[in-house]
Amino acid sequence: MREGEAAYSAGLTSWKPGGRQVWGKKGGRRGCNAGIDGTRDRSRVLVCSVHSTDAKGQDRNPVVTDLVQAAFGPVDKS
């Protein structure tokens, strides 16, 4: 994000996987990670719910990372 660009709005977060600006909402409950993301022009949208053994863990779920990369492009894995 560049200085002065919005990163949060109405509970949504903006980020740039694959260089595309994507707005979305993510969350987790014990055993499940869920998210909805999309580009502003709605040309790309991803809605997913992935079961996991550690939904509240600090590490990024590799299945979700693979889904995001398929929908929007490379994700910084750092």
PDB file of N, CA and C in Angstrom:
ATOM      1  N   MET A   1       0.850  -1.175   0.000  1.00  0.00           N
ATOM      2  CA  MET A   1       0.000   0.000   0.000  1.00  0.00           C
ATOM      3  C   MET A   1       0.891   1.231   0.000  1.00  0.00           C
ATOM      4  N   ARG A   2       0.472   2.224  -0.733  1.00  0.00           N
ATOM      5  CA  ARG A   2       1.196   3.493  -0.741  1.00  0.00           C
ATOM      6  C   ARG A   2       0.675   4.373   0.376  1.00  0.00           C
ATOM      7  N   GLU A   3       1.515   5.297   0.800  1.00  0.00           N
ATOM      8  CA  GLU A   3       1.121   6.264   1.833  1.00  0.00           C
ATOM      9  C   GLU A   3      -0.159   6.963   1.405  1.00  0.00           C
ATOM     10  N   GLY A   4      -1.123   7.007   2.286  1.00  0.00           N
ATOM     11  CA  GLY A   4      -2.375   7.700   2.011  1.00  0.00           C
ATOM     12  C   GLY A   4      -3.461   6.829   1.382  1.00  0.00           C
ATOM     13  N   GLU A   5      -3.153   5.598   0.979  1.00  0.00           N
ATOM     14  CA  GLU A   5      -4.173   4.709   0.432  1.00  0.00           C
ATOM     15  C   GLU A   5      -4.919   4.026   1.570  1.00  0.00           C
ATOM     16  N   ALA A   6      -6.206   3.854   1.384  1.00  0.00           N
ATOM     17  CA  ALA A   6      -7.006   3.174   2.397  1.00  0.00           C
ATOM     18  C   ALA A   6      -6.642   1.702   2.458  1.00  0.00           C
ATOM     19  N   ALA A   7      -6.598   1.160   3.663  1.00  0.00           N
ATOM     20  CA  ALA A   7      -6.340  -0.271   3.837  1.00  0.00           C
ATOM     21  C   ALA A   7      -7.487  -0.955   4.579  1.00  0.00           C
ATOM     22  N   TYR A   8      -8.358  -0.175   5.226  1.00  0.00           N
ATOM     23  CA  TYR A   8      -9.499  -0.722   5.962  1.00  0.00           C
ATOM     24  C   TYR A   8     -10.745   0.082   5.612  1.00  0.00           C
ATOM     25  N   SER A   9     -11.895  -0.615   5.473  1.00  0.00           N
ATOM     26  CA  SER A   9     -13.137   0.079   5.173  1.00  0.00           C
ATOM     27  C   SER A   9     -14.304  -0.834   5.515  1.00  0.00           C
ATOM     28  N   ALA A  10     -15.217  -0.373   6.345  1.00  0.00           N
ATOM     29  CA  ALA A  10     -16.438  -1.117   6.684  1.00  0.00           C
ATOM     30  C   ALA A  10     -16.148  -2.554   7.080  1.00  0.00           C
ATOM     31  N   GLY A  11     -15.072  -2.772   7.840  1.00  0.00           N
ATOM     32  CA  GLY A  11     -14.726  -4.108   8.287  1.00  0.00           C
ATOM     33  C   GLY A  11     -13.928  -4.923   7.281  1.00  0.00           C
ATOM     34  N   LEU A  12     -13.669  -4.360   6.107  1.00  0.00           N
ATOM     35  CA  LEU A  12     -12.896  -5.064   5.085  1.00  0.00           C
ATOM     36  C   LEU A  12     -11.431  -4.641   5.150  1.00  0.00           C
ATOM     37  N   THR A  13     -10.562  -5.501   4.656  1.00  0.00           N
ATOM     38  CA  THR A  13      -9.140  -5.213   4.595  1.00  0.00           C
ATOM     39  C   THR A  13      -8.689  -5.289   3.140  1.00  0.00           C
ATOM     40  N   SER A  14      -7.792  -4.395   2.752  1.00  0.00           N
ATOM     41  CA  SER A  14      -7.251  -4.405   1.402  1.00  0.00           C
ATOM     42  C   SER A  14      -5.830  -4.944   1.417  1.00  0.00           C
ATOM     43  N   TRP A  15      -5.495  -5.717   0.391  1.00  0.00           N
ATOM     44  CA  TRP A  15      -4.134  -6.228   0.225  1.00  0.00           C
ATOM     45  C   TRP A  15      -3.898  -6.471  -1.257  1.00  0.00           C
ATOM     46  N   LYS A  16      -2.665  -6.796  -1.650  1.00  0.00           N
ATOM     47  CA  LYS A  16      -2.337  -6.900  -3.074  1.00  0.00           C
ATOM     48  C   LYS A  16      -1.632  -8.210  -3.437  1.00  0.00           C
ATOM     49  N   PRO A  17      -2.335  -9.328  -3.426  1.00  0.00           N
ATOM     50  CA  PRO A  17      -1.721 -10.556  -3.925  1.00  0.00           C
ATOM     51  C   PRO A  17      -1.603 -10.471  -5.446  1.00  0.00           C
ATOM     52  N   GLY A  18      -0.455 -10.860  -5.979  1.00  0.00           N
ATOM     53  CA  GLY A  18      -0.264 -10.817  -7.427  1.00  0.00           C
ATOM     54  C   GLY A  18      -0.335  -9.430  -8.004  1.00  0.00           C
ATOM     55  N   GLY A  19      -0.183  -8.391  -7.168  1.00  0.00           N
ATOM     56  CA  GLY A  19      -0.229  -7.015  -7.649  1.00  0.00           C
ATOM     57  C   GLY A  19      -1.628  -6.465  -7.863  1.00  0.00           C
ATOM     58  N   ARG A  20      -2.659  -7.273  -7.589  1.00  0.00           N
ATOM     59  CA  ARG A  20      -4.045  -6.804  -7.739  1.00  0.00           C
ATOM     60  C   ARG A  20      -4.567  -6.324  -6.390  1.00  0.00           C
ATOM     61  N   GLN A  21      -5.253  -5.177  -6.383  1.00  0.00           N
ATOM     62  CA  GLN A  21      -5.853  -4.731  -5.127  1.00  0.00           C
ATOM     63  C   GLN A  21      -7.106  -5.557  -4.871  1.00  0.00           C
ATOM     64  N   VAL A  22      -7.126  -6.190  -3.711  1.00  0.00           N
ATOM     65  CA  VAL A  22      -8.208  -7.084  -3.317  1.00  0.00           C
ATOM     66  C   VAL A  22      -8.760  -6.609  -1.981  1.00  0.00           C
ATOM     67  N   TRP A  23     -10.083  -6.591  -1.861  1.00  0.00           N
ATOM     68  CA  TRP A  23     -10.742  -6.265  -0.594  1.00  0.00           C
ATOM     69  C   TRP A  23     -11.395  -7.527  -0.072  1.00  0.00           C
ATOM     70  N   GLY A  24     -11.338  -7.734   1.240  1.00  0.00           N
ATOM     71  CA  GLY A  24     -11.946  -8.944   1.762  1.00  0.00           C
ATOM     72  C   GLY A  24     -12.078  -8.966   3.264  1.00  0.00           C
ATOM     73  N   LYS A  25     -12.608 -10.058   3.736  1.00  0.00           N
ATOM     74  CA  LYS A  25     -12.830 -10.296   5.160  1.00  0.00           C
ATOM     75  C   LYS A  25     -12.470 -11.741   5.440  1.00  0.00           C
ATOM     76  N   LYS A  26     -11.701 -11.954   6.481  1.00  0.00           N
ATOM     77  CA  LYS A  26     -11.295 -13.297   6.855  1.00  0.00           C
ATOM     78  C   LYS A  26     -11.624 -13.533   8.317  1.00  0.00           C
ATOM     79  N   GLY A  27     -11.794 -14.783   8.674  1.00  0.00           N
ATOM     80  CA  GLY A  27     -12.054 -15.102  10.067  1.00  0.00           C
ATOM     81  C   GLY A  27     -11.887 -16.585  10.298  1.00  0.00           C
ATOM     82  N   GLY A  28     -11.907 -16.963  11.539  1.00  0.00           N
ATOM     83  CA  GLY A  28     -11.754 -18.369  11.864  1.00  0.00           C
ATOM     84  C   GLY A  28     -12.450 -18.712  13.169  1.00  0.00           C
ATOM     85  N   ARG A  29     -12.918 -19.896  13.219  1.00  0.00           N
ATOM     86  CA  ARG A  29     -13.452 -20.497  14.435  1.00  0.00           C
ATOM     87  C   ARG A  29     -12.730 -21.819  14.593  1.00  0.00           C
ATOM     88  N   ARG A  30     -12.798 -22.368  15.742  1.00  0.00           N
ATOM     89  CA  ARG A  30     -12.096 -23.629  15.989  1.00  0.00           C
ATOM     90  C   ARG A  30     -12.404 -24.643  14.880  1.00  0.00           C
ATOM     91  N   GLY A  31     -11.363 -24.995  14.125  1.00  0.00           N
ATOM     92  CA  GLY A  31     -11.501 -26.006  13.086  1.00  0.00           C
ATOM     93  C   GLY A  31     -11.862 -25.493  11.713  1.00  0.00           C
ATOM     94  N   CYS A  32     -12.024 -24.187  11.521  1.00  0.00           N
ATOM     95  CA  CYS A  32     -12.442 -23.686  10.215  1.00  0.00           C
ATOM     96  C   CYS A  32     -11.883 -22.293   9.965  1.00  0.00           C
ATOM     97  N   ASN A  33     -11.323 -22.067   8.780  1.00  0.00           N
ATOM     98  CA  ASN A  33     -10.923 -20.744   8.314  1.00  0.00           C
ATOM     99  C   ASN A  33     -11.883 -20.358   7.195  1.00  0.00           C
ATOM    100  N   ALA A  34     -12.352 -19.138   7.178  1.00  0.00           N
ATOM    101  CA  ALA A  34     -13.257 -18.689   6.136  1.00  0.00           C
ATOM    102  C   ALA A  34     -12.834 -17.321   5.631  1.00  0.00           C
ATOM    103  N   GLY A  35     -13.159 -17.041   4.383  1.00  0.00           N
ATOM    104  CA  GLY A  35     -12.831 -15.739   3.836  1.00  0.00           C
ATOM    105  C   GLY A  35     -13.628 -15.446   2.581  1.00  0.00           C
ATOM    106  N   ILE A  36     -13.775 -14.176   2.304  1.00  0.00           N
ATOM    107  CA  ILE A  36     -14.368 -13.710   1.057  1.00  0.00           C
ATOM    108  C   ILE A  36     -13.503 -12.552   0.587  1.00  0.00           C
ATOM    109  N   ASP A  37     -13.050 -12.620  -0.646  1.00  0.00           N
ATOM    110  CA  ASP A  37     -12.178 -11.597  -1.219  1.00  0.00           C
ATOM    111  C   ASP A  37     -12.608 -11.325  -2.643  1.00  0.00           C
ATOM    112  N   GLY A  38     -12.356 -10.123  -3.107  1.00  0.00           N
ATOM    113  CA  GLY A  38     -12.657  -9.809  -4.502  1.00  0.00           C
ATOM    114  C   GLY A  38     -12.018  -8.513  -4.937  1.00  0.00           C
ATOM    115  N   THR A  39     -11.836  -8.382  -6.241  1.00  0.00           N
ATOM    116  CA  THR A  39     -11.341  -7.133  -6.799  1.00  0.00           C
ATOM    117  C   THR A  39     -12.495  -6.137  -6.849  1.00  0.00           C
ATOM    118  N   ARG A  40     -12.157  -4.867  -6.896  1.00  0.00           N
ATOM    119  CA  ARG A  40     -13.191  -3.833  -6.872  1.00  0.00           C
ATOM    120  C   ARG A  40     -14.159  -3.951  -8.047  1.00  0.00           C
ATOM    121  N   ASP A  41     -13.634  -4.338  -9.223  1.00  0.00           N
ATOM    122  CA  ASP A  41     -14.505  -4.468 -10.392  1.00  0.00           C
ATOM    123  C   ASP A  41     -15.221  -5.823 -10.458  1.00  0.00           C
ATOM    124  N   ARG A  42     -15.013  -6.654  -9.427  1.00  0.00           N
ATOM    125  CA  ARG A  42     -15.637  -7.973  -9.297  1.00  0.00           C
ATOM    126  C   ARG A  42     -15.244  -8.937 -10.419  1.00  0.00           C
ATOM    127  N   SER A  43     -14.127  -8.657 -11.091  1.00  0.00           N
ATOM    128  CA  SER A  43     -13.675  -9.572 -12.140  1.00  0.00           C
ATOM    129  C   SER A  43     -13.105 -10.851 -11.536  1.00  0.00           C
ATOM    130  N   ARG A  44     -12.673 -10.776 -10.282  1.00  0.00           N
ATOM    131  CA  ARG A  44     -12.169 -11.955  -9.568  1.00  0.00           C
ATOM    132  C   ARG A  44     -12.738 -11.941  -8.157  1.00  0.00           C
ATOM    133  N   VAL A  45     -13.331 -13.063  -7.777  1.00  0.00           N
ATOM    134  CA  VAL A  45     -13.934 -13.204  -6.451  1.00  0.00           C
ATOM    135  C   VAL A  45     -13.568 -14.586  -5.910  1.00  0.00           C
ATOM    136  N   LEU A  46     -13.262 -14.652  -4.628  1.00  0.00           N
ATOM    137  CA  LEU A  46     -12.963 -15.923  -3.982  1.00  0.00           C
ATOM    138  C   LEU A  46     -13.745 -15.984  -2.677  1.00  0.00           C
ATOM    139  N   VAL A  47     -14.516 -17.042  -2.497  1.00  0.00           N
ATOM    140  CA  VAL A  47     -15.220 -17.318  -1.251  1.00  0.00           C
ATOM    141  C   VAL A  47     -14.807 -18.721  -0.835  1.00  0.00           C
ATOM    142  N   CYS A  48     -14.278 -18.858   0.367  1.00  0.00           N
ATOM    143  CA  CYS A  48     -13.834 -20.193   0.772  1.00  0.00           C
ATOM    144  C   CYS A  48     -14.044 -20.423   2.263  1.00  0.00           C
ATOM    145  N   SER A  49     -14.198 -21.690   2.584  1.00  0.00           N
ATOM    146  CA  SER A  49     -14.254 -22.155   3.961  1.00  0.00           C
ATOM    147  C   SER A  49     -13.428 -23.428   4.004  1.00  0.00           C
ATOM    148  N   VAL A  50     -12.348 -23.407   4.778  1.00  0.00           N
ATOM    149  CA  VAL A  50     -11.413 -24.520   4.801  1.00  0.00           C
ATOM    150  C   VAL A  50     -11.312 -25.051   6.221  1.00  0.00           C
ATOM    151  N   HIS A  51     -11.559 -26.334   6.369  1.00  0.00           N
ATOM    152  CA  HIS A  51     -11.423 -26.966   7.682  1.00  0.00           C
ATOM    153  C   HIS A  51      -9.954 -27.123   8.021  1.00  0.00           C
ATOM    154  N   SER A  52      -9.634 -26.949   9.274  1.00  0.00           N
ATOM    155  CA  SER A  52      -8.250 -27.092   9.704  1.00  0.00           C
ATOM    156  C   SER A  52      -8.215 -27.640  11.121  1.00  0.00           C
ATOM    157  N   THR A  53      -7.053 -28.094  11.515  1.00  0.00           N
ATOM    158  CA  THR A  53      -6.911 -28.591  12.882  1.00  0.00           C
ATOM    159  C   THR A  53      -6.476 -27.490  13.829  1.00  0.00           C
ATOM    160  N   ASP A  54      -6.136 -26.312  13.288  1.00  0.00           N
ATOM    161  CA  ASP A  54      -5.633 -25.211  14.105  1.00  0.00           C
ATOM    162  C   ASP A  54      -6.078 -23.867  13.526  1.00  0.00           C
ATOM    163  N   ALA A  55      -7.382 -23.590  13.553  1.00  0.00           N
ATOM    164  CA  ALA A  55      -7.925 -22.386  12.928  1.00  0.00           C
ATOM    165  C   ALA A  55      -7.398 -21.105  13.554  1.00  0.00           C
ATOM    166  N   LYS A  56      -7.005 -21.136  14.801  1.00  0.00           N
ATOM    167  CA  LYS A  56      -6.531 -19.929  15.468  1.00  0.00           C
ATOM    168  C   LYS A  56      -4.996 -19.863  15.539  1.00  0.00           C
ATOM    169  N   GLY A  57      -4.318 -20.764  14.840  1.00  0.00           N
ATOM    170  CA  GLY A  57      -2.864 -20.744  14.827  1.00  0.00           C
ATOM    171  C   GLY A  57      -2.334 -19.488  14.147  1.00  0.00           C
ATOM    172  N   GLN A  58      -1.096 -19.169  14.397  1.00  0.00           N
ATOM    173  CA  GLN A  58      -0.474 -17.972  13.841  1.00  0.00           C
ATOM    174  C   GLN A  58      -0.012 -18.161  12.397  1.00  0.00           C
ATOM    175  N   ASP A  59       0.179 -19.403  11.972  1.00  0.00           N
ATOM    176  CA  ASP A  59       0.666 -19.667  10.627  1.00  0.00           C
ATOM    177  C   ASP A  59      -0.452 -19.577   9.612  1.00  0.00           C
ATOM    178  N   ARG A  60      -0.104 -19.114   8.411  1.00  0.00           N
ATOM    179  CA  ARG A  60      -1.058 -19.036   7.317  1.00  0.00           C
ATOM    180  C   ARG A  60      -1.400 -20.454   6.856  1.00  0.00           C
ATOM    181  N   ASN A  61      -2.683 -20.747   6.647  1.00  0.00           N
ATOM    182  CA  ASN A  61      -3.126 -22.055   6.185  1.00  0.00           C
ATOM    183  C   ASN A  61      -2.645 -22.248   4.739  1.00  0.00           C
ATOM    184  N   PRO A  62      -1.842 -23.277   4.470  1.00  0.00           N
ATOM    185  CA  PRO A  62      -1.303 -23.454   3.117  1.00  0.00           C
ATOM    186  C   PRO A  62      -2.375 -23.713   2.062  1.00  0.00           C
ATOM    187  N   VAL A  63      -3.500 -24.307   2.431  1.00  0.00           N
ATOM    188  CA  VAL A  63      -4.580 -24.543   1.472  1.00  0.00           C
ATOM    189  C   VAL A  63      -5.196 -23.210   1.056  1.00  0.00           C
ATOM    190  N   VAL A  64      -5.411 -22.316   2.003  1.00  0.00           N
ATOM    191  CA  VAL A  64      -5.963 -20.997   1.693  1.00  0.00           C
ATOM    192  C   VAL A  64      -4.984 -20.220   0.820  1.00  0.00           C
ATOM    193  N   THR A  65      -3.695 -20.301   1.126  1.00  0.00           N
ATOM    194  CA  THR A  65      -2.683 -19.619   0.305  1.00  0.00           C
ATOM    195  C   THR A  65      -2.750 -20.113  -1.137  1.00  0.00           C
ATOM    196  N   ASP A  66      -2.876 -21.421  -1.338  1.00  0.00           N
ATOM    197  CA  ASP A  66      -2.981 -21.974  -2.687  1.00  0.00           C
ATOM    198  C   ASP A  66      -4.229 -21.472  -3.405  1.00  0.00           C
ATOM    199  N   LEU A  67      -5.350 -21.382  -2.703  1.00  0.00           N
ATOM    200  CA  LEU A  67      -6.592 -20.880  -3.310  1.00  0.00           C
ATOM    201  C   LEU A  67      -6.453 -19.411  -3.712  1.00  0.00           C
ATOM    202  N   VAL A  68      -5.873 -18.600  -2.829  1.00  0.00           N
ATOM    203  CA  VAL A  68      -5.680 -17.177  -3.130  1.00  0.00           C
ATOM    204  C   VAL A  68      -4.759 -17.007  -4.338  1.00  0.00           C
ATOM    205  N   GLN A  69      -3.681 -17.786  -4.387  1.00  0.00           N
ATOM    206  CA  GLN A  69      -2.763 -17.695  -5.529  1.00  0.00           C
ATOM    207  C   GLN A  69      -3.458 -18.081  -6.835  1.00  0.00           C
ATOM    208  N   ALA A  70      -4.323 -19.086  -6.797  1.00  0.00           N
ATOM    209  CA  ALA A  70      -5.048 -19.486  -7.993  1.00  0.00           C
ATOM    210  C   ALA A  70      -6.007 -18.391  -8.458  1.00  0.00           C
ATOM    211  N   ALA A  71      -6.598 -17.663  -7.514  1.00  0.00           N
ATOM    212  CA  ALA A  71      -7.580 -16.632  -7.852  1.00  0.00           C
ATOM    213  C   ALA A  71      -6.944 -15.294  -8.221  1.00  0.00           C
ATOM    214  N   PHE A  72      -5.880 -14.901  -7.508  1.00  0.00           N
ATOM    215  CA  PHE A  72      -5.366 -13.535  -7.650  1.00  0.00           C
ATOM    216  C   PHE A  72      -3.902 -13.429  -8.053  1.00  0.00           C
ATOM    217  N   GLY A  73      -3.119 -14.461  -7.878  1.00  0.00           N
ATOM    218  CA  GLY A  73      -1.697 -14.403  -8.210  1.00  0.00           C
ATOM    219  C   GLY A  73      -0.830 -14.655  -6.998  1.00  0.00           C
ATOM    220  N   PRO A  74       0.487 -14.565  -7.165  1.00  0.00           N
ATOM    221  CA  PRO A  74       1.431 -14.917  -6.106  1.00  0.00           C
ATOM    222  C   PRO A  74       1.189 -14.160  -4.801  1.00  0.00           C
ATOM    223  N   VAL A  75       1.341 -14.893  -3.694  1.00  0.00           N
ATOM    224  CA  VAL A  75       1.183 -14.332  -2.355  1.00  0.00           C
ATOM    225  C   VAL A  75       2.551 -14.289  -1.699  1.00  0.00           C
ATOM    226  N   ASP A  76       2.858 -13.169  -1.062  1.00  0.00           N
ATOM    227  CA  ASP A  76       4.103 -13.066  -0.304  1.00  0.00           C
ATOM    228  C   ASP A  76       3.976 -13.977   0.902  1.00  0.00           C
ATOM    229  N   LYS A  77       4.804 -15.012   0.975  1.00  0.00           N
ATOM    230  CA  LYS A  77       4.690 -16.003   2.041  1.00  0.00           C
ATOM    231  C   LYS A  77       5.481 -15.653   3.279  1.00  0.00           C
ATOM    232  N   SER A  78       5.991 -14.439   3.350  1.00  0.00           N
ATOM    233  CA  SER A  78       6.758 -14.059   4.555  1.00  0.00           C
ATOM    234  C   SER A  78       5.853 -13.725   5.700  1.00  0.00           C
TER     235      SER A  78
END
